[in-house]
Amino acid sequence: MRVSRYNFGVRIGLLSDTHGFMGADILEALAGVDEIWHAGDLGSLEIVADLEKVAPVVAVIGNVDSHATFSSVPEEQVLTREGFKVLIRHIVGTPGRYDANARASIAAEKPDILVCGHSHILRIERDAQGILYMNPGAAGHHGTHQKRTLVRFNLEKKKIFGAEVVELGARGRKKSERT
């Protein structure tokens, strides 16, 4: 992780479910972050390469990503940033209804922040255990979501602030974007 460009902690860009799409709007929205977290369903390894041009990337594999193609991308990441323990998995369920794998990881790791994707539904809230659940929605075009989204926020000395949802426009591409 590189040193922040800011006088405070680190600026994180959080996205998920790109499904192989990397538009200029995503890269522009992430400009200036210190680190990018991708919560799975990358769709291609080129997504990581594109994101790494902006900032270092922490990514996990999603259910549409093949293990053969993504052998270097783990199913789960555990990291510490600015005093927060962070657990990143693609599929976890929702607060109060975590799946068995997520429950086991949460019990073992005891994270402060749980990051996921998969549902394509933007949702950020504290669960009953006090864990900050963060799902940035979907940044790609594939899926049932209506708006493409990602999230940016700051972490500093066990504080989270400056959180903002970035709407990237409607799901679905124009014919000119498919080439």
Protein backbone atom coordinates (compact mmCIF):
# COMPACT_ATOMS: atom_id res chain seq x y z
CA MET A 1 0.00 0.00 0.00
CA ARG A 2 1.36 3.40 -0.85
CA VAL A 3 1.42 6.43 1.41
CA SER A 4 -1.71 8.55 1.20
CA ARG A 5 -1.80 11.63 -0.99
CA TYR A 6 -3.83 13.24 1.75
CA ASN A 7 -3.01 14.44 5.24
CA PHE A 8 -5.32 11.78 6.64
CA GLY A 9 -5.23 7.98 6.60
CA VAL A 10 -6.01 6.22 3.37
CA ARG A 11 -8.63 6.81 0.70
CA ILE A 12 -10.26 3.56 -0.46
CA GLY A 13 -12.17 2.90 -3.67
CA LEU A 14 -14.55 -0.04 -3.33
CA LEU A 15 -16.28 -1.79 -6.22
CA SER A 16 -17.64 -5.16 -7.23
CA ASP A 17 -19.28 -7.07 -10.04
CA THR A 18 -17.57 -5.48 -13.02
CA HIS A 19 -18.13 -8.70 -15.01
CA GLY A 20 -15.34 -7.83 -17.42
CA PHE A 21 -16.35 -4.20 -17.99
CA MET A 22 -13.93 -1.37 -17.22
CA GLY A 23 -15.17 1.99 -18.42
CA ALA A 24 -13.44 5.33 -18.25
CA ASP A 25 -16.13 6.41 -15.77
CA ILE A 26 -14.95 3.80 -13.26
CA LEU A 27 -11.30 4.80 -13.61
CA GLU A 28 -12.18 8.50 -13.30
CA ALA A 29 -14.24 7.84 -10.16
CA LEU A 30 -11.29 6.00 -8.60
CA ALA A 31 -8.69 8.63 -9.49
CA GLY A 32 -6.99 9.84 -6.33
CA VAL A 33 -7.66 6.80 -4.13
CA ASP A 34 -4.76 5.15 -2.36
CA GLU A 35 -6.05 1.60 -2.70
CA ILE A 36 -8.83 -0.20 -4.58
CA TRP A 37 -10.80 -3.10 -3.13
CA HIS A 38 -12.66 -5.26 -5.68
CA ALA A 39 -15.20 -7.60 -4.05
CA GLY A 40 -15.35 -10.19 -6.82
CA ASP A 41 -16.87 -11.04 -10.19
CA LEU A 42 -13.99 -9.35 -11.93
CA GLY A 43 -14.83 -11.01 -15.23
CA SER A 44 -11.27 -10.82 -16.60
CA LEU A 45 -7.74 -10.34 -15.34
CA GLU A 46 -7.51 -7.17 -17.44
CA ILE A 47 -9.80 -5.53 -14.86
CA VAL A 48 -7.08 -5.86 -12.21
CA ALA A 49 -4.44 -4.55 -14.63
CA ASP A 50 -6.60 -1.53 -15.50
CA LEU A 51 -7.30 -0.77 -11.84
CA GLU A 52 -3.62 -1.12 -10.91
CA LYS A 53 -2.88 1.84 -13.20
CA VAL A 54 -4.85 3.93 -10.69
CA ALA A 55 -3.81 2.39 -7.35
CA PRO A 56 -2.81 -0.91 -5.74
CA VAL A 57 -5.63 -3.48 -5.86
CA VAL A 58 -6.90 -5.99 -3.31
CA ALA A 59 -9.32 -8.38 -5.03
CA VAL A 60 -11.21 -11.60 -4.42
CA ILE A 61 -12.60 -14.11 -6.87
CA GLY A 62 -16.35 -14.15 -7.54
CA ASN A 63 -18.76 -16.86 -8.58
CA VAL A 64 -18.45 -16.00 -12.31
CA ASP A 65 -14.64 -16.00 -12.20
CA SER A 66 -13.00 -19.33 -13.10
CA HIS A 67 -10.41 -20.69 -10.68
CA ALA A 68 -8.17 -21.59 -13.63
CA THR A 69 -8.12 -18.03 -14.97
CA PHE A 70 -7.95 -16.39 -11.57
CA SER A 71 -5.52 -18.73 -9.82
CA SER A 72 -3.68 -15.73 -8.33
CA VAL A 73 -6.85 -14.17 -6.90
CA PRO A 74 -8.03 -15.65 -3.55
CA GLU A 75 -11.60 -16.31 -2.43
CA GLU A 76 -11.03 -14.24 0.69
CA GLN A 77 -8.76 -11.41 1.78
CA VAL A 78 -8.09 -10.33 5.36
CA LEU A 79 -6.23 -7.07 5.81
CA THR A 80 -5.57 -4.39 8.37
CA ARG A 81 -5.85 -0.73 7.45
CA GLU A 82 -5.66 2.19 9.89
CA GLY A 83 -6.56 -0.03 12.86
CA PHE A 84 -9.48 -1.77 11.10
CA LYS A 85 -9.49 -5.49 10.41
CA VAL A 86 -11.18 -6.01 7.03
CA LEU A 87 -12.62 -9.24 5.63
CA ILE A 88 -13.39 -9.28 1.90
CA ARG A 89 -15.42 -12.11 0.31
CA HIS A 90 -17.65 -12.05 -2.76
CA ILE A 91 -20.65 -13.92 -1.33
CA VAL A 92 -21.56 -13.44 2.33
CA GLY A 93 -25.33 -12.98 2.42
CA THR A 94 -26.79 -10.03 4.28
CA PRO A 95 -26.59 -8.81 7.88
CA GLY A 96 -28.41 -11.25 10.10
CA ARG A 97 -28.43 -13.81 7.27
CA TYR A 98 -24.78 -14.53 6.52
CA ASP A 99 -24.05 -17.82 4.73
CA ALA A 100 -22.13 -20.61 6.49
CA ASN A 101 -18.76 -19.77 4.90
CA ALA A 102 -19.07 -16.12 5.85
CA ARG A 103 -20.14 -16.98 9.41
CA ALA A 104 -17.08 -19.22 9.79
CA SER A 105 -14.74 -16.51 8.46
CA ILE A 106 -16.35 -13.85 10.66
CA ALA A 107 -15.97 -16.08 13.73
CA ALA A 108 -12.33 -16.82 12.92
CA GLU A 109 -11.25 -13.34 11.85
CA LYS A 110 -13.49 -11.05 13.93
CA PRO A 111 -13.43 -8.22 11.36
CA ASP A 112 -14.44 -4.63 11.97
CA ILE A 113 -15.46 -4.26 8.30
CA LEU A 114 -17.03 -6.95 6.11
CA VAL A 115 -16.84 -6.21 2.37
CA CYS A 116 -18.79 -8.20 -0.20
CA GLY A 117 -20.47 -8.04 -3.59
CA HIS A 118 -22.62 -10.55 -5.49
CA SER A 119 -26.11 -9.15 -4.85
CA HIS A 120 -25.59 -6.05 -7.05
CA ILE A 121 -27.42 -4.16 -4.28
CA LEU A 122 -25.67 -1.19 -2.68
CA ARG A 123 -25.93 -1.63 1.08
CA ILE A 124 -23.85 -0.23 3.93
CA GLU A 125 -24.89 -0.78 7.54
CA ARG A 126 -23.75 -2.08 10.90
CA ASP A 127 -24.89 -5.59 11.72
CA ALA A 128 -26.02 -6.82 15.16
CA GLN A 129 -22.40 -7.65 16.03
CA GLY A 130 -21.27 -4.10 15.24
CA ILE A 131 -19.46 -5.12 12.05
CA LEU A 132 -19.66 -2.56 9.26
CA TYR A 133 -21.17 -4.41 6.27
CA MET A 134 -20.25 -2.83 2.93
CA ASN A 135 -21.59 -3.92 -0.45
CA PRO A 136 -20.85 -1.30 -3.15
CA GLY A 137 -23.46 -2.60 -5.58
CA ALA A 138 -22.30 -3.39 -9.12
CA ALA A 139 -20.00 -1.32 -11.32
CA GLY A 140 -20.52 -3.41 -14.45
CA HIS A 141 -23.40 -3.71 -16.88
CA HIS A 142 -24.35 -7.36 -16.37
CA GLY A 143 -27.09 -8.05 -13.81
CA THR A 144 -30.44 -6.84 -12.58
CA HIS A 145 -29.31 -3.61 -10.91
CA GLN A 146 -30.58 -0.34 -12.36
CA LYS A 147 -27.67 1.96 -11.45
CA ARG A 148 -23.97 1.15 -11.60
CA THR A 149 -22.26 2.18 -8.37
CA LEU A 150 -19.04 2.19 -6.40
CA VAL A 151 -18.06 3.63 -3.03
CA ARG A 152 -15.17 5.81 -1.85
CA PHE A 153 -14.25 6.43 1.78
CA ASN A 154 -11.40 7.32 4.10
CA LEU A 155 -9.90 5.29 6.94
CA GLU A 156 -7.75 6.94 9.59
CA LYS A 157 -6.75 5.74 13.03
CA LYS A 158 -9.81 3.53 13.56
CA LYS A 159 -12.19 6.12 12.06
CA ILE A 160 -14.13 5.89 8.82
CA PHE A 161 -15.30 9.10 7.17
CA GLY A 162 -15.87 10.88 3.88
CA ALA A 163 -17.92 7.99 2.53
CA GLU A 164 -19.63 8.66 -0.77
CA VAL A 165 -21.59 6.60 -3.25
CA VAL A 166 -20.63 7.26 -6.86
CA GLU A 167 -23.38 6.59 -9.39
CA LEU A 168 -21.84 5.60 -12.71
CA GLY A 169 -25.01 5.69 -14.75
CA ALA A 170 -27.61 3.19 -15.81
CA ARG A 171 -26.92 -0.48 -16.37
CA GLY A 172 -26.82 -1.49 -20.01
CA ARG A 173 -24.46 -0.37 -22.71
CA LYS A 174 -24.96 1.45 -25.94
CA LYS A 175 -24.02 -0.49 -29.07
CA SER A 176 -20.93 1.71 -29.44
CA GLU A 177 -19.65 0.49 -26.02
CA ARG A 178 -19.76 -3.19 -27.00
CA THR A 179 -16.96 -3.06 -29.52
